[in-house]
């Protein structure tokens, strides 16, 4: 082969180069097709050093400089000669103004301040409706009257004034001072008069299941001791009081039979109801859960005037029961509330109308003639319900069809249903029809002083045989109740109680305890009639009751003491 001539490629090399050329052409064609369709990757650009450095550099924060004084101004632009007296005087005035403003901010403010005038943040302040109302109204001011002789004398209505004078004229029982009439060993939870009009005979139930009885007609008889002369006996006599151990836990309510005044029905937190026969001296259990291990505390009991064989009761778990005393197994239970029913009442003339008050803040009206539903949903027909701002502790019917309620929103509300007796089965009321006709401001905050007693379930006590005076062995018949739990909780508020058959011209009136150690008496239209009290009353008479027919008032305290006005 001649020098300088190109080397001759083999057939294999020629084929290899052809394949390479074909591959390159194919790749170029694919790149062009991808670029035309927008699928080609974008070229990666190398970030510059300056860009990274500027990205890392933080933006400067602008400082806002507050001007603590007036800004300097140009005297030349203001037409003032430099170092003139006018410029100096202006600078001095501005300096003095700044100093005075700073001094005013630090100056103590004298005089009274109204919170609505000094609100800094939040909504406008309302003295009557704010989040402090429930705290600042608690407690009482002992012996501070809110109603007295001045209000009675200023009454212009003759009938109202005469009624106020009569109610305010009730005098405290002078046989014994209230702090000496310890009608029950423990705190009083229920109180009432025997229906007799001959003498004031008071019954009281306490938190340990004791029932105390006091005869308000007794007069003190001086006690004689050995060595005392007949003419020189100054020993202080003690009131005659009888107590019986009917239950093992709190007697929350009791009622005398509407047909037999010698029969007293008591309901207790030990889940039982007993009938005390005063003539036979015997207390018989007439209702208790079928399972003796069940703990279903009862809060109320009532017997309708139209059927003395039927009794109604309420439980602390929100259930309401109907029991036929002729058939021990005939008991209907209705779940009327998710929370405790504090009190209930039947219409005296139309006992198929039921009013309940519960901790869920509702007062409800029910028709016991219309019961529907199955199982746990079985319940009387709901006529209407009224919601309060806080829980409602009691609802009490009177003969005129008025319901008085007391709640923790510091109000007593009176709802009027004069046509309740003519309501047909299935009647429902509109919201406007159940609104209270009268609202009374009243301090009902007893929660700090009242505690709930609770204990493990206990078997029902045996039948008791009573005599007067009771035999010495009566006490050991029942096991000693366990001590109360250490954790206090709210039990109930002050409760309004109507006079069943009003005296004083048939005017409807009710009484309720007062946190200032009084008992207040109101008429059905919200007029206060009297405020009964005495300096010898050393505790709040929280549980107050009228005699059914006579204008007598009794009240019990947390220490088991009795106050009586005749």
Protein backbone atom coordinates (compact mmCIF):
# COMPACT_ATOMS: atom_id res chain seq x y z
CA UNK A 1 0.00 0.00 0.00
CA UNK A 2 1.42 3.41 -1.03
CA UNK A 3 2.55 5.92 1.61
CA UNK A 4 -0.18 8.56 2.38
CA UNK A 5 -3.00 6.43 1.15
CA UNK A 6 -5.99 6.10 3.51
CA UNK A 7 -6.22 2.76 5.29
CA UNK A 8 -8.89 0.55 3.94
CA UNK A 9 -11.61 -0.26 6.49
CA UNK A 10 -12.76 -3.72 7.00
CA UNK A 11 -16.28 -4.75 6.36
CA UNK A 12 -16.88 -5.09 10.14
CA UNK A 13 -15.68 -1.52 10.81
CA UNK A 14 -17.83 -0.13 8.06
CA UNK A 15 -20.89 -1.80 9.52
CA UNK A 16 -20.07 -0.51 13.03
CA UNK A 17 -19.77 3.10 11.89
CA UNK A 18 -23.02 2.82 9.98
CA UNK A 19 -24.75 1.62 13.12
CA UNK A 20 -23.33 4.54 15.10
CA UNK A 21 -24.49 7.04 12.53
CA UNK A 22 -27.96 5.50 12.46
CA UNK A 23 -28.17 5.60 16.26
CA UNK A 24 -27.11 9.26 16.42
CA UNK A 25 -29.68 10.17 13.83
CA UNK A 26 -32.37 8.37 15.80
CA UNK A 27 -31.43 10.15 19.06
CA UNK A 28 -31.49 13.54 17.36
CA UNK A 29 -34.89 12.78 15.89
CA UNK A 30 -36.23 11.74 19.34
CA UNK A 31 -34.88 14.95 20.90
CA UNK A 32 -36.53 17.03 18.22
CA UNK A 33 -39.85 15.24 18.71
CA UNK A 34 -39.69 15.73 22.50
CA UNK A 35 -38.88 19.41 22.14
CA UNK A 36 -41.79 19.90 19.78
CA UNK A 37 -44.20 18.32 22.23
CA UNK A 38 -42.79 20.15 25.31
CA UNK A 39 -41.47 17.00 26.99
CA UNK A 40 -37.87 17.84 26.82
CA UNK A 41 -36.12 18.53 30.17
CA UNK A 42 -35.19 22.10 30.92
CA UNK A 43 -31.53 22.90 30.97
CA UNK A 44 -30.07 23.13 34.46
CA UNK A 45 -28.52 26.51 35.07
CA UNK A 46 -25.80 26.81 37.62
CA UNK A 47 -26.79 29.29 40.33
CA UNK A 48 -24.47 32.19 40.68
CA UNK A 49 -22.61 32.88 43.91
CA UNK A 50 -24.09 36.36 44.17
CA UNK A 51 -27.63 34.98 43.94
CA UNK A 52 -27.03 32.54 46.80
CA UNK A 53 -25.51 35.24 48.88
CA UNK A 54 -28.44 37.60 48.32
CA UNK A 55 -30.90 34.78 49.11
CA UNK A 56 -29.24 34.15 52.44
CA UNK A 57 -29.20 37.80 53.31
CA UNK A 58 -32.13 38.70 55.58
CA UNK A 59 -34.25 41.64 54.73
CA UNK A 60 -33.70 44.55 57.00
CA UNK A 61 -36.39 45.09 59.66
CA UNK A 62 -37.74 48.53 59.67
CA UNK A 63 -37.68 50.01 63.11
CA UNK A 64 -40.63 52.07 64.10
CA UNK A 65 -39.48 54.88 66.25
CA UNK A 66 -42.18 56.30 68.49
CA UNK A 67 -42.14 59.99 68.92
CA UNK A 68 -42.10 60.69 72.62
CA UNK A 69 -42.33 64.41 72.13
CA UNK A 70 -43.27 67.01 69.58
CA UNK A 71 -41.23 67.01 66.34
CA UNK A 72 -38.68 69.71 65.84
CA UNK A 73 -39.75 72.40 63.45
CA UNK A 74 -37.80 74.96 61.50
CA UNK A 75 -37.91 78.43 63.01
CA UNK A 76 -36.85 79.89 59.65
CA UNK A 77 -39.79 78.29 57.85
CA UNK A 78 -42.06 79.44 60.68
CA UNK A 79 -40.83 83.00 60.20
CA UNK A 80 -39.06 83.17 63.56
CA UNK A 81 -35.69 84.74 64.14
CA UNK A 82 -33.06 82.39 65.50
CA UNK A 83 -32.50 82.65 69.27
CA UNK A 84 -35.52 84.91 69.57
CA UNK A 85 -37.63 85.07 72.72
CA UNK A 86 -40.65 83.70 70.86
CA UNK A 87 -38.78 80.54 69.79
CA UNK A 88 -37.44 79.96 73.29
CA UNK A 89 -40.89 80.39 74.79
CA UNK A 90 -42.37 77.94 72.28
CA UNK A 91 -39.74 75.30 73.06
CA UNK A 92 -40.33 75.70 76.78
CA UNK A 93 -44.10 75.35 76.37
CA UNK A 94 -43.67 72.16 74.34
CA UNK A 95 -41.34 70.69 76.95
CA UNK A 96 -43.73 71.49 79.78
CA UNK A 97 -46.64 69.93 77.87
CA UNK A 98 -44.68 66.69 77.40
CA UNK A 99 -43.79 66.52 81.09
CA UNK A 100 -47.38 67.15 82.16
CA UNK A 101 -48.69 64.39 79.86
CA UNK A 102 -46.19 61.89 81.26
CA UNK A 103 -47.03 62.88 84.83
CA UNK A 104 -50.77 62.52 84.17
CA UNK A 105 -50.32 58.88 83.08
CA UNK A 106 -48.65 58.01 86.35
CA UNK A 107 -50.99 60.05 88.53
CA UNK A 108 -53.20 58.09 90.98
CA UNK A 109 -56.91 58.31 90.17
CA UNK A 110 -59.01 59.44 93.14
CA UNK A 111 -62.71 58.91 93.69
CA UNK A 112 -65.08 56.08 92.72
CA UNK A 113 -64.79 54.13 89.49
CA UNK A 114 -67.63 52.51 87.57
CA UNK A 115 -66.55 49.32 85.81
CA UNK A 116 -68.58 50.11 82.70
CA UNK A 117 -66.56 53.34 82.31
CA UNK A 118 -63.13 51.71 82.59
CA UNK A 119 -63.50 48.62 80.38
CA UNK A 120 -60.20 48.10 78.51
CA UNK A 121 -60.98 45.00 76.43
CA UNK A 122 -63.93 42.67 75.97
CA UNK A 123 -67.63 43.29 75.54
CA UNK A 124 -69.53 45.99 77.33
CA UNK A 125 -69.99 45.43 81.07
CA UNK A 126 -73.47 44.75 82.39
CA UNK A 127 -73.88 44.93 86.15
CA UNK A 128 -76.92 42.63 86.24
CA UNK A 129 -75.74 40.01 83.71
CA UNK A 130 -72.07 39.05 83.79
CA UNK A 131 -69.87 36.09 84.67
CA UNK A 132 -69.39 37.30 88.27
CA UNK A 133 -73.07 37.27 89.23
CA UNK A 134 -73.00 33.68 90.48
CA UNK A 135 -70.01 34.43 92.72
CA UNK A 136 -70.69 37.83 94.20
CA UNK A 137 -74.27 37.00 95.22
CA UNK A 138 -73.38 33.92 97.24
CA UNK A 139 -73.71 33.89 100.97
CA UNK A 140 -75.82 36.10 103.14
CA UNK A 141 -75.62 39.08 105.43
CA UNK A 142 -76.90 37.88 108.80
CA UNK A 143 -79.79 39.90 110.25
CA UNK A 144 -79.77 42.45 107.40
CA UNK A 145 -83.43 43.02 106.59
CA UNK A 146 -84.72 43.65 103.08
CA UNK A 147 -88.35 44.01 104.21
CA UNK A 148 -89.71 45.43 107.45
CA UNK A 149 -92.05 47.84 109.20
CA UNK A 150 -91.23 50.73 106.87
CA UNK A 151 -92.40 48.80 103.80
CA UNK A 152 -95.58 47.79 105.61
CA UNK A 153 -96.40 51.36 106.60
CA UNK A 154 -95.76 52.65 103.07
CA UNK A 155 -98.23 50.20 101.52
CA UNK A 156 -101.07 52.16 99.93
CA UNK A 157 -103.36 49.23 99.09
CA UNK A 158 -105.56 48.59 102.14
CA UNK A 159 -106.01 44.85 101.59
CA UNK A 160 -102.32 44.29 100.93
CA UNK A 161 -101.38 46.37 103.95
CA UNK A 162 -103.74 44.41 106.20
CA UNK A 163 -102.28 41.12 104.97
CA UNK A 164 -98.73 42.37 105.47
CA UNK A 165 -99.53 43.51 109.00
CA UNK A 166 -101.04 40.11 109.80
CA UNK A 167 -98.13 38.08 108.40
CA UNK A 168 -95.50 40.38 109.89
CA UNK A 169 -97.32 40.10 113.22
CA UNK A 170 -96.49 36.40 113.58
CA UNK A 171 -94.38 35.99 116.70
CA UNK A 172 -91.56 33.59 117.38
CA UNK A 173 -92.53 30.73 119.67
CA UNK A 174 -91.54 31.87 123.17
CA UNK A 175 -91.60 28.53 124.95
CA UNK A 176 -87.95 27.84 124.08
CA UNK A 177 -85.36 29.70 122.08
CA UNK A 178 -84.66 28.20 118.63
CA UNK A 179 -81.11 27.17 119.54
CA UNK A 180 -82.56 24.90 122.25
CA UNK A 181 -85.17 23.15 120.08
CA UNK A 182 -82.97 20.53 118.46
CA UNK A 183 -85.69 18.54 116.78
CA UNK A 184 -83.29 16.20 114.93
CA UNK A 185 -79.75 15.06 115.74
CA UNK A 186 -78.44 16.05 112.29
CA UNK A 187 -79.12 18.52 109.47
CA UNK A 188 -82.80 18.96 108.61
CA UNK A 189 -83.74 17.98 105.06
CA UNK A 190 -87.54 17.81 105.29
CA UNK A 191 -90.09 19.56 107.50
CA UNK A 192 -93.84 19.76 107.92
CA UNK A 193 -96.85 20.28 110.18
CA UNK A 194 -99.33 17.63 111.22
CA UNK A 195 -102.70 18.59 109.62
CA UNK A 196 -104.38 19.14 113.00
CA UNK A 197 -105.45 22.73 113.68
CA UNK A 198 -105.63 22.25 117.44
CA UNK A 199 -101.92 22.66 118.11
CA UNK A 200 -98.66 23.05 116.16
CA UNK A 201 -97.18 19.56 115.86
CA UNK A 202 -93.99 19.63 113.77
CA UNK A 203 -92.20 16.70 112.10
CA UNK A 204 -88.67 16.89 110.67
CA UNK A 205 -86.42 14.42 108.84
CA UNK A 206 -82.62 14.65 108.92
CA UNK A 207 -79.71 13.41 106.83
CA UNK A 208 -79.17 10.24 108.93
CA UNK A 209 -82.76 8.96 108.59
CA UNK A 210 -84.05 10.27 111.92
CA UNK A 211 -87.59 11.61 112.25
CA UNK A 212 -88.06 14.19 115.01
CA UNK A 213 -91.40 15.31 116.49
CA UNK A 214 -91.98 18.50 118.51
CA UNK A 215 -95.17 19.71 120.17
CA UNK A 216 -95.32 23.48 119.79
CA UNK A 217 -98.05 23.83 122.42
CA UNK A 218 -95.84 22.74 125.33
CA UNK A 219 -94.79 25.29 127.92
CA UNK A 220 -91.52 25.19 129.89
CA UNK A 221 -91.73 23.42 133.21
CA UNK A 222 -88.88 24.22 135.64
CA UNK A 223 -86.84 21.21 136.61
CA UNK A 224 -86.44 20.40 140.28
CA UNK A 225 -83.22 19.01 141.62
CA UNK A 226 -82.33 17.62 145.02
CA UNK A 227 -81.86 20.32 147.60
CA UNK A 228 -83.93 22.92 145.71
CA UNK A 229 -86.76 24.63 147.53
CA UNK A 230 -90.16 24.77 145.90
CA UNK A 231 -89.92 28.55 145.68
CA UNK A 232 -86.32 28.67 144.46
CA UNK A 233 -86.01 26.56 141.34
CA UNK A 234 -84.21 28.28 138.46
CA UNK A 235 -83.04 25.21 136.52
CA UNK A 236 -83.58 25.61 132.76
CA UNK A 237 -86.10 23.07 131.45
CA UNK A 238 -85.52 21.17 128.22
CA UNK A 239 -88.11 20.87 125.43
CA UNK A 240 -89.81 17.52 125.01
CA UNK A 241 -88.72 16.06 121.66
CA UNK A 242 -89.14 12.53 120.33
CA UNK A 243 -86.95 11.07 117.56
CA UNK A 244 -87.25 7.79 115.68
CA UNK A 245 -84.80 6.02 113.41
CA UNK A 246 -87.01 5.29 110.39
CA UNK A 247 -84.35 5.05 107.68
CA UNK A 248 -80.63 4.46 107.35
CA UNK A 249 -80.07 7.49 105.15
CA UNK A 250 -81.48 10.96 104.49
CA UNK A 251 -85.24 11.50 104.71
CA UNK A 252 -85.57 13.79 101.70
CA UNK A 253 -89.35 14.26 101.82
CA UNK A 254 -92.52 13.14 103.57
CA UNK A 255 -96.26 13.67 103.29
CA UNK A 256 -99.29 12.97 105.42
CA UNK A 257 -102.02 10.91 103.79
CA UNK A 258 -104.76 13.16 102.34
CA UNK A 259 -107.42 10.81 103.78
CA UNK A 260 -105.82 9.69 107.07
CA UNK A 261 -103.79 12.25 109.05
CA UNK A 262 -102.37 9.46 111.22
CA UNK A 263 -100.42 8.01 108.28
CA UNK A 264 -97.10 9.61 107.36
CA UNK A 265 -95.22 8.54 104.22
CA UNK A 266 -91.45 9.12 104.22
CA UNK A 267 -89.03 8.74 101.28
CA UNK A 268 -85.33 8.29 101.81
CA UNK A 269 -81.96 8.09 100.11
CA UNK A 270 -81.88 4.44 101.23
CA UNK A 271 -84.22 3.79 98.25
CA UNK A 272 -87.31 3.01 100.36
CA UNK A 273 -90.67 4.56 101.28
CA UNK A 274 -92.23 3.84 104.67
CA UNK A 275 -95.70 4.42 106.08
CA UNK A 276 -95.65 5.46 109.71
CA UNK A 277 -98.92 4.72 111.48
CA UNK A 278 -99.00 7.12 114.45
CA UNK A 279 -101.99 5.40 116.05
CA UNK A 280 -100.55 1.88 115.85
CA UNK A 281 -96.97 2.95 116.53
CA UNK A 282 -95.69 1.05 113.54
CA UNK A 283 -93.57 1.91 110.47
CA UNK A 284 -94.02 -0.39 107.47
CA UNK A 285 -92.00 -0.44 104.28
CA UNK A 286 -94.36 -0.03 101.34
CA UNK A 287 -91.86 0.46 98.51
CA UNK A 288 -88.26 -0.54 97.79
CA UNK A 289 -86.40 -1.85 94.72
CA UNK A 290 -86.96 -5.54 94.06
CA UNK A 291 -83.21 -6.06 94.20
CA UNK A 292 -81.98 -5.13 97.72
CA UNK A 293 -78.50 -4.36 96.35
CA UNK A 294 -79.77 -1.56 94.09
CA UNK A 295 -79.01 1.98 95.24
CA UNK A 296 -81.78 4.25 93.93
CA UNK A 297 -82.05 7.26 96.30
CA UNK A 298 -85.48 8.91 96.40
CA UNK A 299 -85.89 12.69 96.45
CA UNK A 300 -89.65 13.11 96.80
CA UNK A 301 -92.98 11.43 97.50
CA UNK A 302 -96.60 12.51 97.02
CA UNK A 303 -100.04 10.90 97.24
CA UNK A 304 -102.85 12.34 95.09
CA UNK A 305 -105.98 13.48 96.86
CA UNK A 306 -108.18 11.54 94.42
CA UNK A 307 -106.61 8.09 95.01
CA UNK A 308 -105.02 7.32 98.41
CA UNK A 309 -103.75 3.94 97.17
CA UNK A 310 -101.37 5.43 94.57
CA UNK A 311 -98.12 7.13 95.44
CA UNK A 312 -95.66 8.93 93.19
CA UNK A 313 -91.96 9.35 93.85
CA UNK A 314 -88.88 10.83 92.20
CA UNK A 315 -85.29 9.61 92.21
CA UNK A 316 -81.95 11.38 92.19
CA UNK A 317 -81.08 9.80 88.83
CA UNK A 318 -83.92 11.64 87.05
CA UNK A 319 -86.51 8.83 87.16
CA UNK A 320 -90.13 9.22 88.23
CA UNK A 321 -92.20 6.36 89.63
CA UNK A 322 -95.82 5.37 90.18
CA UNK A 323 -96.58 2.67 92.74
CA UNK A 324 -99.88 0.99 93.66
CA UNK A 325 -99.75 0.18 97.38
CA UNK A 326 -102.33 -2.61 96.93
CA UNK A 327 -99.97 -4.53 94.65
CA UNK A 328 -96.29 -4.49 95.71
CA UNK A 329 -95.19 -5.54 92.21
CA UNK A 330 -97.17 -2.81 90.46
CA UNK A 331 -94.57 -0.10 89.88
CA UNK A 332 -94.05 2.00 86.73
CA UNK A 333 -90.77 3.87 86.24
CA UNK A 334 -90.40 6.75 83.74
CA UNK A 335 -87.10 8.42 82.86
CA UNK A 336 -88.05 12.09 82.76
CA UNK A 337 -84.61 13.69 83.02
CA UNK A 338 -80.95 12.86 82.47
CA UNK A 339 -80.12 14.58 85.75
CA UNK A 340 -81.48 14.71 89.28
CA UNK A 341 -85.13 15.63 89.82
CA UNK A 342 -84.87 17.95 92.81
CA UNK A 343 -88.58 18.26 93.39
CA UNK A 344 -91.98 17.57 91.86
CA UNK A 345 -95.58 18.42 92.58
CA UNK A 346 -99.03 17.25 91.49
CA UNK A 347 -101.82 19.70 90.75
CA UNK A 348 -103.94 19.56 93.96
CA UNK A 349 -107.26 19.56 92.07
CA UNK A 350 -106.10 17.81 88.89
CA UNK A 351 -103.42 15.34 90.04
CA UNK A 352 -102.88 14.00 86.52
CA UNK A 353 -100.89 17.21 85.85
CA UNK A 354 -97.30 16.85 87.07
CA UNK A 355 -94.62 19.54 87.47
CA UNK A 356 -90.95 18.56 87.79
CA UNK A 357 -87.78 20.55 88.43
CA UNK A 358 -84.35 19.16 87.64
CA UNK A 359 -80.67 20.00 87.47
CA UNK A 360 -80.80 20.24 83.68
CA UNK A 361 -82.33 23.74 84.20
CA UNK A 362 -85.86 22.79 83.13
CA UNK A 363 -89.26 23.01 84.76
CA UNK A 364 -91.56 20.64 82.89
CA UNK A 365 -95.28 19.89 82.88
CA UNK A 366 -96.46 16.34 82.18
CA UNK A 367 -99.82 14.66 81.58
CA UNK A 368 -99.96 11.35 83.47
CA UNK A 369 -103.06 10.29 81.52
CA UNK A 370 -101.04 9.98 78.30
CA UNK A 371 -98.23 7.44 78.66
CA UNK A 372 -96.53 6.28 75.47
CA UNK A 373 -93.34 4.61 74.31
CA UNK A 374 -91.68 1.31 75.09
CA UNK A 375 -88.98 0.20 77.48
CA UNK A 376 -86.80 3.02 78.78
CA UNK A 377 -88.52 5.48 76.42
CA UNK A 378 -91.91 5.00 78.09
CA UNK A 379 -92.99 8.34 79.62
CA UNK A 380 -96.01 10.60 80.23
CA UNK A 381 -96.96 13.18 77.65
CA UNK A 382 -94.91 16.37 77.80
CA UNK A 383 -97.16 19.43 77.94
CA UNK A 384 -94.50 22.16 78.03
CA UNK A 385 -91.09 23.02 79.44
CA UNK A 386 -89.37 26.21 80.58
CA UNK A 387 -85.60 26.63 80.71
CA UNK A 388 -83.84 28.76 83.35
CA UNK A 389 -80.30 30.07 83.22
CA UNK A 390 -79.19 27.66 85.97
CA UNK A 391 -80.56 24.51 87.60
CA UNK A 392 -84.08 24.49 89.06
CA UNK A 393 -84.37 22.95 92.51
CA UNK A 394 -88.12 22.70 93.09
CA UNK A 395 -91.52 23.12 91.46
CA UNK A 396 -94.60 23.47 93.68
CA UNK A 397 -98.26 23.56 92.56
CA UNK A 398 -101.02 25.35 94.47
CA UNK A 399 -104.80 25.04 94.27
CA UNK A 400 -105.04 27.95 91.81
CA UNK A 401 -102.88 26.16 89.24
CA UNK A 402 -99.76 28.24 89.86
CA UNK A 403 -96.28 26.71 89.94
CA UNK A 404 -93.53 28.33 92.02
CA UNK A 405 -89.93 27.42 91.22
CA UNK A 406 -86.59 28.39 92.74
CA UNK A 407 -83.31 28.12 90.86
CA UNK A 408 -79.64 28.93 91.20
CA UNK A 409 -80.00 31.97 88.95
CA UNK A 410 -81.28 33.72 92.11
CA UNK A 411 -84.89 33.94 91.02
CA UNK A 412 -88.25 32.69 92.18
CA UNK A 413 -90.57 32.26 89.20
CA UNK A 414 -94.33 31.86 89.31
CA UNK A 415 -96.05 30.23 86.32
CA UNK A 416 -99.83 30.48 86.10
CA UNK A 417 -102.06 27.78 84.54
CA UNK A 418 -105.62 28.60 85.70
CA UNK A 419 -107.21 26.34 83.05
CA UNK A 420 -105.02 23.28 83.71
CA UNK A 421 -107.99 21.27 84.98
CA UNK A 422 -109.76 21.54 81.61
CA UNK A 423 -106.79 20.52 79.46
CA UNK A 424 -107.64 17.61 77.16
CA UNK A 425 -105.39 14.59 76.82
CA UNK A 426 -102.50 15.42 74.51
CA UNK A 427 -102.59 19.18 75.15
CA UNK A 428 -99.34 21.04 74.50
CA UNK A 429 -98.50 24.65 75.30
CA UNK A 430 -96.57 27.22 73.32
CA UNK A 431 -93.45 28.81 74.77
CA UNK A 432 -95.36 32.02 75.47
CA UNK A 433 -97.95 30.13 77.55
CA UNK A 434 -95.39 28.72 80.00
CA UNK A 435 -93.38 31.87 80.57
CA UNK A 436 -93.44 33.04 84.20
CA UNK A 437 -96.04 35.63 85.06
CA UNK A 438 -93.95 36.87 88.01
CA UNK A 439 -90.20 36.79 88.66
CA UNK A 440 -88.77 37.61 92.09
CA UNK A 441 -85.10 38.27 92.73
CA UNK A 442 -84.01 36.10 95.65
CA UNK A 443 -80.62 34.88 96.86
CA UNK A 444 -80.74 31.08 96.46
CA UNK A 445 -77.01 30.38 96.68
CA UNK A 446 -76.80 27.72 99.39
CA UNK A 447 -74.15 25.57 97.71
CA UNK A 448 -71.26 26.60 99.96
CA UNK A 449 -73.10 25.55 103.10
CA UNK A 450 -75.09 22.49 102.01
CA UNK A 451 -73.46 19.11 101.38
CA UNK A 452 -74.83 15.92 99.91
CA UNK A 453 -74.77 12.80 102.02
CA UNK A 454 -73.95 9.56 100.22
CA UNK A 455 -73.10 6.06 101.32
CA UNK A 456 -72.91 2.51 99.94
CA UNK A 457 -76.24 0.71 99.43
CA UNK A 458 -77.63 -0.80 102.62
CA UNK A 459 -80.42 -3.31 103.24
CA UNK A 460 -83.77 -1.84 104.21
CA UNK A 461 -84.28 -1.47 107.99
CA UNK A 462 -86.72 -3.79 109.74
CA UNK A 463 -90.23 -2.86 110.81
CA UNK A 464 -90.17 -0.57 113.84
CA UNK A 465 -92.59 -0.58 116.73
CA UNK A 466 -92.93 2.89 118.16
CA UNK A 467 -94.25 4.09 121.46
CA UNK A 468 -94.20 7.34 123.37
CA UNK A 469 -91.79 7.74 125.00
CA UNK A 470 -89.66 5.40 122.80
CA UNK A 471 -88.10 2.36 124.49
CA UNK A 472 -84.38 2.57 125.26
CA UNK A 473 -83.58 -0.33 122.97
CA UNK A 474 -85.03 1.37 119.88
CA UNK A 475 -81.72 2.76 118.65
CA UNK A 476 -79.68 -0.48 118.39
CA UNK A 477 -82.34 -2.07 116.16
CA UNK A 478 -80.72 -0.45 113.13
CA UNK A 479 -77.09 -0.65 112.05
CA UNK A 480 -75.12 2.54 112.45
CA UNK A 481 -74.96 4.43 109.15
CA UNK A 482 -71.56 4.98 107.58
CA UNK A 483 -69.94 8.40 107.88
CA UNK A 484 -70.68 10.94 105.17
CA UNK A 485 -68.34 11.23 102.24
CA UNK A 486 -65.65 13.86 102.50
CA UNK A 487 -66.32 15.42 99.10
CA UNK A 488 -69.08 18.06 99.37
CA UNK A 489 -71.42 18.78 96.49
CA UNK A 490 -74.48 20.87 95.91
CA UNK A 491 -77.73 19.38 97.15
CA UNK A 492 -80.52 21.85 96.53
CA UNK A 493 -81.49 25.46 96.72
CA UNK A 494 -84.05 27.14 98.96
CA UNK A 495 -87.52 25.86 98.14
CA UNK A 496 -90.79 27.78 97.92
CA UNK A 497 -93.67 26.00 99.71
CA UNK A 498 -97.31 27.03 99.27
CA UNK A 499 -99.90 26.93 102.00
CA UNK A 500 -102.15 23.99 101.02
CA UNK A 501 -105.47 25.51 102.11
CA UNK A 502 -104.79 29.24 102.52
CA UNK A 503 -106.11 31.11 105.49
CA UNK A 504 -106.30 34.93 105.46
CA UNK A 505 -109.15 35.17 102.98
CA UNK A 506 -107.92 32.38 100.72
CA UNK A 507 -105.02 34.43 99.34
CA UNK A 508 -102.36 32.16 97.86
CA UNK A 509 -99.00 32.60 99.57
CA UNK A 510 -95.76 30.70 100.04
CA UNK A 511 -92.72 30.83 102.31
CA UNK A 512 -89.03 30.32 101.57
CA UNK A 513 -85.83 30.53 103.59
CA UNK A 514 -83.64 33.62 103.43
CA UNK A 515 -79.82 33.50 103.50
CA UNK A 516 -79.81 36.45 105.93
CA UNK A 517 -81.39 34.15 108.57
CA UNK A 518 -85.00 35.04 107.89
CA UNK A 519 -88.04 33.39 106.35
CA UNK A 520 -89.69 35.33 103.52
CA UNK A 521 -93.42 35.17 102.77
CA UNK A 522 -94.72 36.14 99.33
CA UNK A 523 -98.12 36.28 97.66
CA UNK A 524 -98.85 34.63 94.32
CA UNK A 525 -98.38 37.94 92.47
CA UNK A 526 -94.86 38.40 93.88
CA UNK A 527 -95.68 40.87 96.67
CA UNK A 528 -93.62 40.28 99.80
CA UNK A 529 -95.88 39.97 102.82
CA UNK A 530 -93.43 39.48 105.68
CA UNK A 531 -89.85 38.71 106.67
CA UNK A 532 -89.82 36.62 109.82
CA UNK A 533 -86.71 36.46 111.96
CA UNK A 534 -85.05 36.96 115.32
CA UNK A 535 -81.59 37.60 116.70
CA UNK A 536 -81.85 34.28 118.52
CA UNK A 537 -81.74 32.45 115.17
CA UNK A 538 -78.06 31.60 114.73
CA UNK A 539 -78.22 29.74 111.38
CA UNK A 540 -80.02 29.95 108.05
CA UNK A 541 -83.57 28.51 108.35
CA UNK A 542 -83.26 26.88 104.95
CA UNK A 543 -86.22 24.46 105.12
CA UNK A 544 -89.44 26.44 105.65
CA UNK A 545 -93.07 25.24 105.65
CA UNK A 546 -96.56 26.65 106.16
CA UNK A 547 -99.21 24.88 108.21
CA UNK A 548 -101.84 23.58 105.73
CA UNK A 549 -104.62 25.77 107.17
CA UNK A 550 -103.39 27.99 110.00
CA UNK A 551 -101.01 30.90 109.56
CA UNK A 552 -98.17 29.11 111.30
CA UNK A 553 -94.67 28.89 109.86
CA UNK A 554 -91.88 26.48 110.81
CA UNK A 555 -88.29 26.42 109.58
CA UNK A 556 -85.32 24.12 110.16
CA UNK A 557 -81.57 24.74 110.11
CA UNK A 558 -78.49 22.75 109.16
CA UNK A 559 -77.81 22.02 112.84
CA UNK A 560 -81.21 20.36 113.40
CA UNK A 561 -82.72 23.38 115.23
CA UNK A 562 -86.34 24.45 114.82
CA UNK A 563 -87.80 27.96 114.42
CA UNK A 564 -91.55 28.40 114.88
CA UNK A 565 -93.80 31.42 114.32
CA UNK A 566 -97.40 31.42 115.56
